[in-house]
Amino acid sequence: MRLYALTCGYIRCRKNVFVPDAPREEIIEGPMPVFVVLHPQGNVLFDTGPHPGVFQDAFARWGGLAKAFEPVGDERSGILSQLEAISLKPEDVRYVVNSHLHFDHAGGNQFFPKSTFLVSKKEMEWAQKPENEGKGYFRADWNHPLAYRKIEGGFDIYGDGSLVIIPLPGHTPGHQGLLVGLPKDGKMILSGDSVPCKENYLDSKIPRNHLDEEQARKTIHHLHDLIEKEKALLIHGHDPDQWGKIKKPPDYYE
């Protein structure tokens, strides 16, 4: 097994969106990460990043949200170019795990017509509500004739404990992460937007863009318990400081 950490560009925004007591004037450029796990039974992609079109015209894809969240990148920042950098094509991906269906996590879904998507049943139901269109969700990102497999609760993808989907609700109703067990480097938790920055995890600071604060706190407590039990490395969703320390291709975790 190998795990590659890639980023489909960066997202520039006020840090206090993620860390509520951060100074209003503090701006960060957080990664929009995706992860590829090479597994003997089939490669797994965690999230697909934003649609590459945002780097040409963010307002066309994201509307008013582009004022608060500015994409930073170019034509090489999309998911297809990121896969190409590690010699993979979309058809090499057996499963895609969507942490959730927001614009910076599911914008590349359409490029994987031969993959099976593992998405939370609650998340799909929430994204389909007409009143949520434009509030982090855009049907143009995920509403394609794809093989969506709606799951409930945790799910061991290959039944060997190496890739286990874990529910991490709070940011959205159906948000989920991925527990990866690597033979040499040990356990890692890809946490999506459940704890986008280290302060969210260490100090239980709930991001302003989480939908359910009570549920988000339960998720943070669950992550603390899980990390203690599994001795796992927690990967945050948009933390620029941590991202600077993560191995990037051609390096990988194994």
C-alpha atoms as a PDB file:
ATOM      1  CA  MET A   1       0.000   0.000   0.000  1.00  0.00           C
ATOM      2  CA  ARG A   2       1.000   3.592  -0.645  1.00  0.00           C
ATOM      3  CA  LEU A   3      -0.699   6.867   0.227  1.00  0.00           C
ATOM      4  CA  TYR A   4      -0.094   9.957  -1.883  1.00  0.00           C
ATOM      5  CA  ALA A   5      -1.098  13.402  -0.588  1.00  0.00           C
ATOM      6  CA  LEU A   6      -2.021  15.806  -3.394  1.00  0.00           C
ATOM      7  CA  THR A   7      -3.596  19.243  -3.481  1.00  0.00           C
ATOM      8  CA  CYS A   8      -5.968  20.628  -6.083  1.00  0.00           C
ATOM      9  CA  GLY A   9      -4.847  24.182  -5.525  1.00  0.00           C
ATOM     10  CA  TYR A  10      -5.459  26.291  -2.438  1.00  0.00           C
ATOM     11  CA  ILE A  11      -8.363  28.213  -0.992  1.00  0.00           C
ATOM     12  CA  ARG A  12      -7.803  31.758   0.262  1.00  0.00           C
ATOM     13  CA  CYS A  13     -10.154  32.912   2.999  1.00  0.00           C
ATOM     14  CA  ARG A  14     -10.359  34.495   6.426  1.00  0.00           C
ATOM     15  CA  LYS A  15      -9.018  32.088   9.013  1.00  0.00           C
ATOM     16  CA  ASN A  16     -11.921  32.885  11.325  1.00  0.00           C
ATOM     17  CA  VAL A  17     -14.202  30.881   9.022  1.00  0.00           C
ATOM     18  CA  PHE A  18     -12.435  27.802  10.422  1.00  0.00           C
ATOM     19  CA  VAL A  19     -11.116  29.143  13.742  1.00  0.00           C
ATOM     20  CA  PRO A  20     -13.789  31.521  15.087  1.00  0.00           C
ATOM     21  CA  ASP A  21     -11.540  33.513  17.422  1.00  0.00           C
ATOM     22  CA  ALA A  22      -8.805  34.113  14.847  1.00  0.00           C
ATOM     23  CA  PRO A  23      -8.220  37.793  14.010  1.00  0.00           C
ATOM     24  CA  ARG A  24     -10.655  38.964  11.341  1.00  0.00           C
ATOM     25  CA  GLU A  25      -7.821  40.319   9.220  1.00  0.00           C
ATOM     26  CA  GLU A  26      -5.870  37.028   9.199  1.00  0.00           C
ATOM     27  CA  ILE A  27      -5.997  35.421   5.749  1.00  0.00           C
ATOM     28  CA  ILE A  28      -4.835  31.888   5.049  1.00  0.00           C
ATOM     29  CA  GLU A  29      -4.306  29.823   1.930  1.00  0.00           C
ATOM     30  CA  GLY A  30      -5.316  26.336   2.916  1.00  0.00           C
ATOM     31  CA  PRO A  31      -4.827  23.299   0.701  1.00  0.00           C
ATOM     32  CA  MET A  32      -7.720  21.638  -1.104  1.00  0.00           C
ATOM     33  CA  PRO A  33      -6.304  18.143  -0.594  1.00  0.00           C
ATOM     34  CA  VAL A  34      -7.088  14.832  -2.187  1.00  0.00           C
ATOM     35  CA  PHE A  35      -5.483  11.526  -1.290  1.00  0.00           C
ATOM     36  CA  VAL A  36      -4.770   8.437  -3.346  1.00  0.00           C
ATOM     37  CA  VAL A  37      -4.287   5.060  -1.708  1.00  0.00           C
ATOM     38  CA  LEU A  38      -2.734   2.371  -3.883  1.00  0.00           C
ATOM     39  CA  HIS A  39      -4.199  -0.910  -2.637  1.00  0.00           C
ATOM     40  CA  PRO A  40      -3.690  -4.450  -4.016  1.00  0.00           C
ATOM     41  CA  GLN A  41      -7.463  -4.823  -4.479  1.00  0.00           C
ATOM     42  CA  GLY A  42      -7.932  -1.480  -6.224  1.00  0.00           C
ATOM     43  CA  ASN A  43      -6.905   2.138  -5.835  1.00  0.00           C
ATOM     44  CA  VAL A  44      -8.996   4.470  -3.670  1.00  0.00           C
ATOM     45  CA  LEU A  45      -9.311   8.237  -4.060  1.00  0.00           C
ATOM     46  CA  PHE A  46     -10.415  10.380  -1.111  1.00  0.00           C
ATOM     47  CA  ASP A  47     -12.197  13.484  -2.424  1.00  0.00           C
ATOM     48  CA  THR A  48     -11.904  14.988  -5.908  1.00  0.00           C
ATOM     49  CA  GLY A  49     -11.180  18.643  -5.129  1.00  0.00           C
ATOM     50  CA  PRO A  50     -12.823  21.581  -6.899  1.00  0.00           C
ATOM     51  CA  HIS A  51     -13.822  21.564 -10.533  1.00  0.00           C
ATOM     52  CA  PRO A  52     -10.740  22.786 -12.452  1.00  0.00           C
ATOM     53  CA  GLY A  53     -12.886  25.456 -14.109  1.00  0.00           C
ATOM     54  CA  VAL A  54     -12.795  27.501 -10.889  1.00  0.00           C
ATOM     55  CA  PHE A  55      -9.237  28.534 -11.645  1.00  0.00           C
ATOM     56  CA  GLN A  56     -10.449  30.273 -14.805  1.00  0.00           C
ATOM     57  CA  ASP A  57     -13.762  31.672 -13.529  1.00  0.00           C
ATOM     58  CA  ALA A  58     -14.558  31.063  -9.882  1.00  0.00           C
ATOM     59  CA  PHE A  59     -17.834  33.017  -9.937  1.00  0.00           C
ATOM     60  CA  ALA A  60     -19.181  30.895 -12.799  1.00  0.00           C
ATOM     61  CA  ARG A  61     -18.805  27.757 -10.673  1.00  0.00           C
ATOM     62  CA  TRP A  62     -19.193  29.015  -7.106  1.00  0.00           C
ATOM     63  CA  GLY A  63     -21.275  32.166  -7.443  1.00  0.00           C
ATOM     64  CA  GLY A  64     -21.175  34.447  -4.413  1.00  0.00           C
ATOM     65  CA  LEU A  65     -19.171  31.923  -2.386  1.00  0.00           C
ATOM     66  CA  ALA A  66     -16.153  32.869  -4.508  1.00  0.00           C
ATOM     67  CA  LYS A  67     -16.055  36.181  -2.605  1.00  0.00           C
ATOM     68  CA  ALA A  68     -15.389  34.406   0.678  1.00  0.00           C
ATOM     69  CA  PHE A  69     -13.427  31.477  -0.741  1.00  0.00           C
ATOM     70  CA  GLU A  70     -10.978  32.410  -3.477  1.00  0.00           C
ATOM     71  CA  PRO A  71      -9.407  29.480  -5.361  1.00  0.00           C
ATOM     72  CA  VAL A  72      -5.679  29.769  -5.938  1.00  0.00           C
ATOM     73  CA  GLY A  73      -4.215  27.620  -8.691  1.00  0.00           C
ATOM     74  CA  ASP A  74      -3.933  27.091 -12.433  1.00  0.00           C
ATOM     75  CA  GLU A  75      -4.609  24.508 -15.150  1.00  0.00           C
ATOM     76  CA  ARG A  76      -2.323  22.000 -13.393  1.00  0.00           C
ATOM     77  CA  SER A  77      -4.283  22.163 -10.149  1.00  0.00           C
ATOM     78  CA  GLY A  78      -7.241  19.974 -11.170  1.00  0.00           C
ATOM     79  CA  ILE A  79      -7.643  16.378 -10.084  1.00  0.00           C
ATOM     80  CA  LEU A  80      -6.734  14.907 -13.475  1.00  0.00           C
ATOM     81  CA  SER A  81      -3.399  16.715 -13.575  1.00  0.00           C
ATOM     82  CA  GLN A  82      -2.710  15.725  -9.982  1.00  0.00           C
ATOM     83  CA  LEU A  83      -3.286  12.062 -10.813  1.00  0.00           C
ATOM     84  CA  GLU A  84      -1.163  12.356 -13.926  1.00  0.00           C
ATOM     85  CA  ALA A  85       1.712  13.537 -11.722  1.00  0.00           C
ATOM     86  CA  ILE A  86       1.757  10.086 -10.084  1.00  0.00           C
ATOM     87  CA  SER A  87       1.131   8.238 -13.371  1.00  0.00           C
ATOM     88  CA  LEU A  88      -2.540   7.456 -12.783  1.00  0.00           C
ATOM     89  CA  LYS A  89      -5.621   7.882 -14.951  1.00  0.00           C
ATOM     90  CA  PRO A  90      -9.257   8.075 -13.777  1.00  0.00           C
ATOM     91  CA  GLU A  91      -9.871   4.489 -14.856  1.00  0.00           C
ATOM     92  CA  ASP A  92      -7.155   3.386 -12.425  1.00  0.00           C
ATOM     93  CA  VAL A  93      -9.393   4.408  -9.497  1.00  0.00           C
ATOM     94  CA  ARG A  94     -11.743   1.692  -8.251  1.00  0.00           C
ATOM     95  CA  TYR A  95     -13.408   3.647  -5.449  1.00  0.00           C
ATOM     96  CA  VAL A  96     -13.891   7.342  -4.737  1.00  0.00           C
ATOM     97  CA  VAL A  97     -14.728   8.291  -1.154  1.00  0.00           C
ATOM     98  CA  ASN A  98     -16.422  11.677  -0.899  1.00  0.00           C
ATOM     99  CA  SER A  99     -15.935  13.118   2.586  1.00  0.00           C
ATOM    100  CA  HIS A 100     -18.919  15.296   1.672  1.00  0.00           C
ATOM    101  CA  LEU A 101     -20.313  16.930  -1.458  1.00  0.00           C
ATOM    102  CA  HIS A 102     -19.175  20.529  -1.002  1.00  0.00           C
ATOM    103  CA  PHE A 103     -17.732  22.536  -3.884  1.00  0.00           C
ATOM    104  CA  ASP A 104     -14.065  22.069  -2.911  1.00  0.00           C
ATOM    105  CA  HIS A 105     -14.354  18.332  -2.237  1.00  0.00           C
ATOM    106  CA  ALA A 106     -16.591  16.896  -4.967  1.00  0.00           C
ATOM    107  CA  GLY A 107     -16.016  19.206  -7.938  1.00  0.00           C
ATOM    108  CA  GLY A 108     -14.046  16.586  -9.829  1.00  0.00           C
ATOM    109  CA  ASN A 109     -16.551  13.743  -9.423  1.00  0.00           C
ATOM    110  CA  GLN A 110     -17.610  13.817 -13.061  1.00  0.00           C
ATOM    111  CA  PHE A 111     -14.160  12.718 -14.226  1.00  0.00           C
ATOM    112  CA  PHE A 112     -14.552   9.229 -12.721  1.00  0.00           C
ATOM    113  CA  PRO A 113     -17.388   7.557 -14.645  1.00  0.00           C
ATOM    114  CA  LYS A 114     -15.920   4.070 -14.149  1.00  0.00           C
ATOM    115  CA  SER A 115     -15.394   4.354 -10.392  1.00  0.00           C
ATOM    116  CA  THR A 116     -17.767   3.478  -7.566  1.00  0.00           C
ATOM    117  CA  PHE A 117     -18.461   6.406  -5.256  1.00  0.00           C
ATOM    118  CA  LEU A 118     -18.838   5.741  -1.544  1.00  0.00           C
ATOM    119  CA  VAL A 119     -20.934   8.595  -0.168  1.00  0.00           C
ATOM    120  CA  SER A 120     -22.983   8.865   2.985  1.00  0.00           C
ATOM    121  CA  LYS A 121     -26.708   8.338   2.481  1.00  0.00           C
ATOM    122  CA  LYS A 122     -27.379  11.326   4.753  1.00  0.00           C
ATOM    123  CA  GLU A 123     -24.993  13.474   2.742  1.00  0.00           C
ATOM    124  CA  MET A 124     -26.634  12.654  -0.567  1.00  0.00           C
ATOM    125  CA  GLU A 125     -30.078  13.371   0.867  1.00  0.00           C
ATOM    126  CA  TRP A 126     -28.900  16.711   2.245  1.00  0.00           C
ATOM    127  CA  ALA A 127     -27.177  17.752  -0.997  1.00  0.00           C
ATOM    128  CA  GLN A 128     -30.322  16.962  -2.979  1.00  0.00           C
ATOM    129  CA  LYS A 129     -32.471  19.416  -1.008  1.00  0.00           C
ATOM    130  CA  PRO A 130     -33.245  22.362  -3.331  1.00  0.00           C
ATOM    131  CA  GLU A 131     -32.809  24.864  -0.511  1.00  0.00           C
ATOM    132  CA  ASN A 132     -29.155  23.834  -0.090  1.00  0.00           C
ATOM    133  CA  GLU A 133     -28.137  24.657  -3.658  1.00  0.00           C
ATOM    134  CA  GLY A 134     -25.497  27.371  -3.581  1.00  0.00           C
ATOM    135  CA  LYS A 135     -24.876  26.887   0.149  1.00  0.00           C
ATOM    136  CA  GLY A 136     -21.711  24.879  -0.298  1.00  0.00           C
ATOM    137  CA  TYR A 137     -23.454  22.495  -2.701  1.00  0.00           C
ATOM    138  CA  PHE A 138     -23.693  22.808  -6.478  1.00  0.00           C
ATOM    139  CA  ARG A 139     -25.494  20.138  -8.460  1.00  0.00           C
ATOM    140  CA  ALA A 140     -23.065  20.716 -11.312  1.00  0.00           C
ATOM    141  CA  ASP A 141     -20.368  19.163  -9.123  1.00  0.00           C
ATOM    142  CA  TRP A 142     -21.990  15.881  -8.119  1.00  0.00           C
ATOM    143  CA  ASN A 143     -25.234  15.419 -10.079  1.00  0.00           C
ATOM    144  CA  HIS A 144     -23.878  13.176 -12.831  1.00  0.00           C
ATOM    145  CA  PRO A 145     -24.684   9.614 -13.941  1.00  0.00           C
ATOM    146  CA  LEU A 146     -22.122   8.099 -11.595  1.00  0.00           C
ATOM    147  CA  ALA A 147     -22.136   4.874  -9.568  1.00  0.00           C
ATOM    148  CA  TYR A 148     -23.015   6.327  -6.177  1.00  0.00           C
ATOM    149  CA  ARG A 149     -23.173   3.746  -3.408  1.00  0.00           C
ATOM    150  CA  LYS A 150     -24.944   5.257  -0.425  1.00  0.00           C
ATOM    151  CA  ILE A 151     -23.548   3.963   2.837  1.00  0.00           C
ATOM    152  CA  GLU A 152     -24.755   4.302   6.400  1.00  0.00           C
ATOM    153  CA  GLY A 153     -22.385   4.363   9.343  1.00  0.00           C
ATOM    154  CA  GLY A 154     -18.859   3.030   9.093  1.00  0.00           C
ATOM    155  CA  PHE A 155     -17.699   0.881   6.216  1.00  0.00           C
ATOM    156  CA  ASP A 156     -14.606  -1.306   5.786  1.00  0.00           C
ATOM    157  CA  ILE A 157     -13.937  -0.971   2.066  1.00  0.00           C
ATOM    158  CA  TYR A 158     -11.946  -4.166   1.543  1.00  0.00           C
ATOM    159  CA  GLY A 159     -12.806  -5.972   4.760  1.00  0.00           C
ATOM    160  CA  ASP A 160      -9.191  -6.059   5.905  1.00  0.00           C
ATOM    161  CA  GLY A 161      -9.132  -2.997   8.160  1.00  0.00           C
ATOM    162  CA  SER A 162      -6.776  -1.108   5.867  1.00  0.00           C
ATOM    163  CA  LEU A 163      -9.351   1.409   4.609  1.00  0.00           C
ATOM    164  CA  VAL A 164     -12.261   2.121   6.922  1.00  0.00           C
ATOM    165  CA  ILE A 165     -14.782   4.919   6.373  1.00  0.00           C
ATOM    166  CA  ILE A 166     -15.743   6.597   9.644  1.00  0.00           C
ATOM    167  CA  PRO A 167     -18.736   8.921  10.167  1.00  0.00           C
ATOM    168  CA  LEU A 168     -17.610  12.429  11.230  1.00  0.00           C
ATOM    169  CA  PRO A 169     -20.823  14.506  11.099  1.00  0.00           C
ATOM    170  CA  GLY A 170     -21.171  18.124  12.162  1.00  0.00           C
ATOM    171  CA  HIS A 171     -19.732  20.095   9.277  1.00  0.00           C
ATOM    172  CA  THR A 172     -22.504  18.498   7.237  1.00  0.00           C
ATOM    173  CA  PRO A 173     -25.002  15.797   8.261  1.00  0.00           C
ATOM    174  CA  GLY A 174     -23.261  13.058   6.300  1.00  0.00           C
ATOM    175  CA  HIS A 175     -19.626  14.086   6.566  1.00  0.00           C
ATOM    176  CA  GLN A 176     -17.199  11.165   6.759  1.00  0.00           C
ATOM    177  CA  GLY A 177     -13.471  10.494   7.016  1.00  0.00           C
ATOM    178  CA  LEU A 178     -11.144   7.630   6.172  1.00  0.00           C
ATOM    179  CA  LEU A 179      -8.961   5.611   8.526  1.00  0.00           C
ATOM    180  CA  VAL A 180      -5.973   4.316   6.560  1.00  0.00           C
ATOM    181  CA  GLY A 181      -3.770   1.551   7.973  1.00  0.00           C
ATOM    182  CA  LEU A 182      -0.364   1.532   6.311  1.00  0.00           C
ATOM    183  CA  PRO A 183       2.062  -1.372   6.826  1.00  0.00           C
ATOM    184  CA  LYS A 184       5.103   0.802   7.636  1.00  0.00           C
ATOM    185  CA  ASP A 185       3.871   4.282   8.555  1.00  0.00           C
ATOM    186  CA  GLY A 186       0.916   3.105  10.624  1.00  0.00           C
ATOM    187  CA  LYS A 187      -2.562   4.602  10.924  1.00  0.00           C
ATOM    188  CA  MET A 188      -3.663   7.916   9.413  1.00  0.00           C
ATOM    189  CA  ILE A 189      -7.051   9.639   9.585  1.00  0.00           C
ATOM    190  CA  LEU A 190      -8.121  11.721   6.597  1.00  0.00           C
ATOM    191  CA  SER A 191     -10.543  14.001   8.381  1.00  0.00           C
ATOM    192  CA  GLY A 192     -11.952  16.157   5.573  1.00  0.00           C
ATOM    193  CA  ASP A 193     -13.593  19.291   6.997  1.00  0.00           C
ATOM    194  CA  SER A 194     -14.458  17.853  10.413  1.00  0.00           C
ATOM    195  CA  VAL A 195     -11.385  19.567  11.914  1.00  0.00           C
ATOM    196  CA  PRO A 196     -10.024  21.766   9.101  1.00  0.00           C
ATOM    197  CA  CYS A 197      -7.278  23.339  11.255  1.00  0.00           C
ATOM    198  CA  LYS A 198      -5.286  22.082  14.236  1.00  0.00           C
ATOM    199  CA  GLU A 199      -7.031  24.525  16.593  1.00  0.00           C
ATOM    200  CA  ASN A 200     -10.362  22.837  15.865  1.00  0.00           C
ATOM    201  CA  TYR A 201      -8.999  19.546  17.166  1.00  0.00           C
ATOM    202  CA  LEU A 202      -6.667  20.694  19.942  1.00  0.00           C
ATOM    203  CA  ASP A 203      -8.941  23.367  21.423  1.00  0.00           C
ATOM    204  CA  SER A 204     -12.383  22.128  20.284  1.00  0.00           C
ATOM    205  CA  LYS A 205     -13.013  25.359  18.382  1.00  0.00           C
ATOM    206  CA  ILE A 206     -16.015  24.793  16.127  1.00  0.00           C
ATOM    207  CA  PRO A 207     -15.770  26.384  12.660  1.00  0.00           C
ATOM    208  CA  ARG A 208     -18.375  28.951  11.739  1.00  0.00           C
ATOM    209  CA  ASN A 209     -19.303  26.951   8.650  1.00  0.00           C
ATOM    210  CA  HIS A 210     -20.242  23.796  10.572  1.00  0.00           C
ATOM    211  CA  LEU A 211     -23.969  23.105  10.436  1.00  0.00           C
ATOM    212  CA  ASP A 212     -24.403  21.343  13.779  1.00  0.00           C
ATOM    213  CA  GLU A 213     -22.227  22.567  16.648  1.00  0.00           C
ATOM    214  CA  GLU A 214     -23.326  19.901  19.115  1.00  0.00           C
ATOM    215  CA  GLN A 215     -22.682  17.115  16.638  1.00  0.00           C
ATOM    216  CA  ALA A 216     -19.347  18.680  15.692  1.00  0.00           C
ATOM    217  CA  ARG A 217     -18.207  18.566  19.331  1.00  0.00           C
ATOM    218  CA  LYS A 218     -19.149  14.902  19.575  1.00  0.00           C
ATOM    219  CA  THR A 219     -17.118  14.252  16.426  1.00  0.00           C
ATOM    220  CA  ILE A 220     -14.056  15.992  17.887  1.00  0.00           C
ATOM    221  CA  HIS A 221     -14.340  13.907  21.059  1.00  0.00           C
ATOM    222  CA  HIS A 222     -14.683  10.797  18.916  1.00  0.00           C
ATOM    223  CA  LEU A 223     -11.538  11.730  16.997  1.00  0.00           C
ATOM    224  CA  HIS A 224      -9.596  12.145  20.242  1.00  0.00           C
ATOM    225  CA  ASP A 225     -10.693   8.679  21.372  1.00  0.00           C
ATOM    226  CA  LEU A 226      -9.967   7.139  17.994  1.00  0.00           C
ATOM    227  CA  ILE A 227      -6.505   8.663  17.698  1.00  0.00           C
ATOM    228  CA  GLU A 228      -5.593   7.488  21.179  1.00  0.00           C
ATOM    229  CA  LYS A 229      -6.819   3.996  20.387  1.00  0.00           C
ATOM    230  CA  GLU A 230      -5.258   3.700  16.927  1.00  0.00           C
ATOM    231  CA  LYS A 231      -2.145   5.848  17.536  1.00  0.00           C
ATOM    232  CA  ALA A 232      -3.073   7.555  14.283  1.00  0.00           C
ATOM    233  CA  LEU A 233      -1.797  10.678  12.565  1.00  0.00           C
ATOM    234  CA  LEU A 234      -4.643  13.140  12.038  1.00  0.00           C
ATOM    235  CA  ILE A 235      -4.624  14.954   8.682  1.00  0.00           C
ATOM    236  CA  HIS A 236      -6.536  18.236   8.758  1.00  0.00           C
ATOM    237  CA  GLY A 237      -8.556  19.432   5.795  1.00  0.00           C
ATOM    238  CA  HIS A 238      -7.279  22.972   5.230  1.00  0.00           C
ATOM    239  CA  ASP A 239      -4.381  23.605   7.612  1.00  0.00           C
ATOM    240  CA  PRO A 240      -1.544  25.348   5.727  1.00  0.00           C
ATOM    241  CA  ASP A 241       0.999  24.800   8.514  1.00  0.00           C
ATOM    242  CA  GLN A 242       0.454  21.049   8.673  1.00  0.00           C
ATOM    243  CA  TRP A 243       0.293  20.774   4.896  1.00  0.00           C
ATOM    244  CA  GLY A 244       3.795  22.200   4.675  1.00  0.00           C
ATOM    245  CA  LYS A 245       5.032  19.202   6.677  1.00  0.00           C
ATOM    246  CA  ILE A 246       3.148  16.495   4.767  1.00  0.00           C
ATOM    247  CA  LYS A 247       5.039  14.353   2.253  1.00  0.00           C
ATOM    248  CA  LYS A 248       4.268  15.322  -1.361  1.00  0.00           C
ATOM    249  CA  PRO A 249       4.908  13.389  -4.590  1.00  0.00           C
ATOM    250  CA  PRO A 250       7.182  11.839  -5.535  1.00  0.00           C
ATOM    251  CA  ASP A 251       7.321  11.004  -1.814  1.00  0.00           C
ATOM    252  CA  TYR A 252       4.546   8.945  -0.249  1.00  0.00           C
ATOM    253  CA  TYR A 253       3.513   7.095   2.911  1.00  0.00           C
ATOM    254  CA  GLU A 254       3.616   3.311   2.976  1.00  0.00           C
END
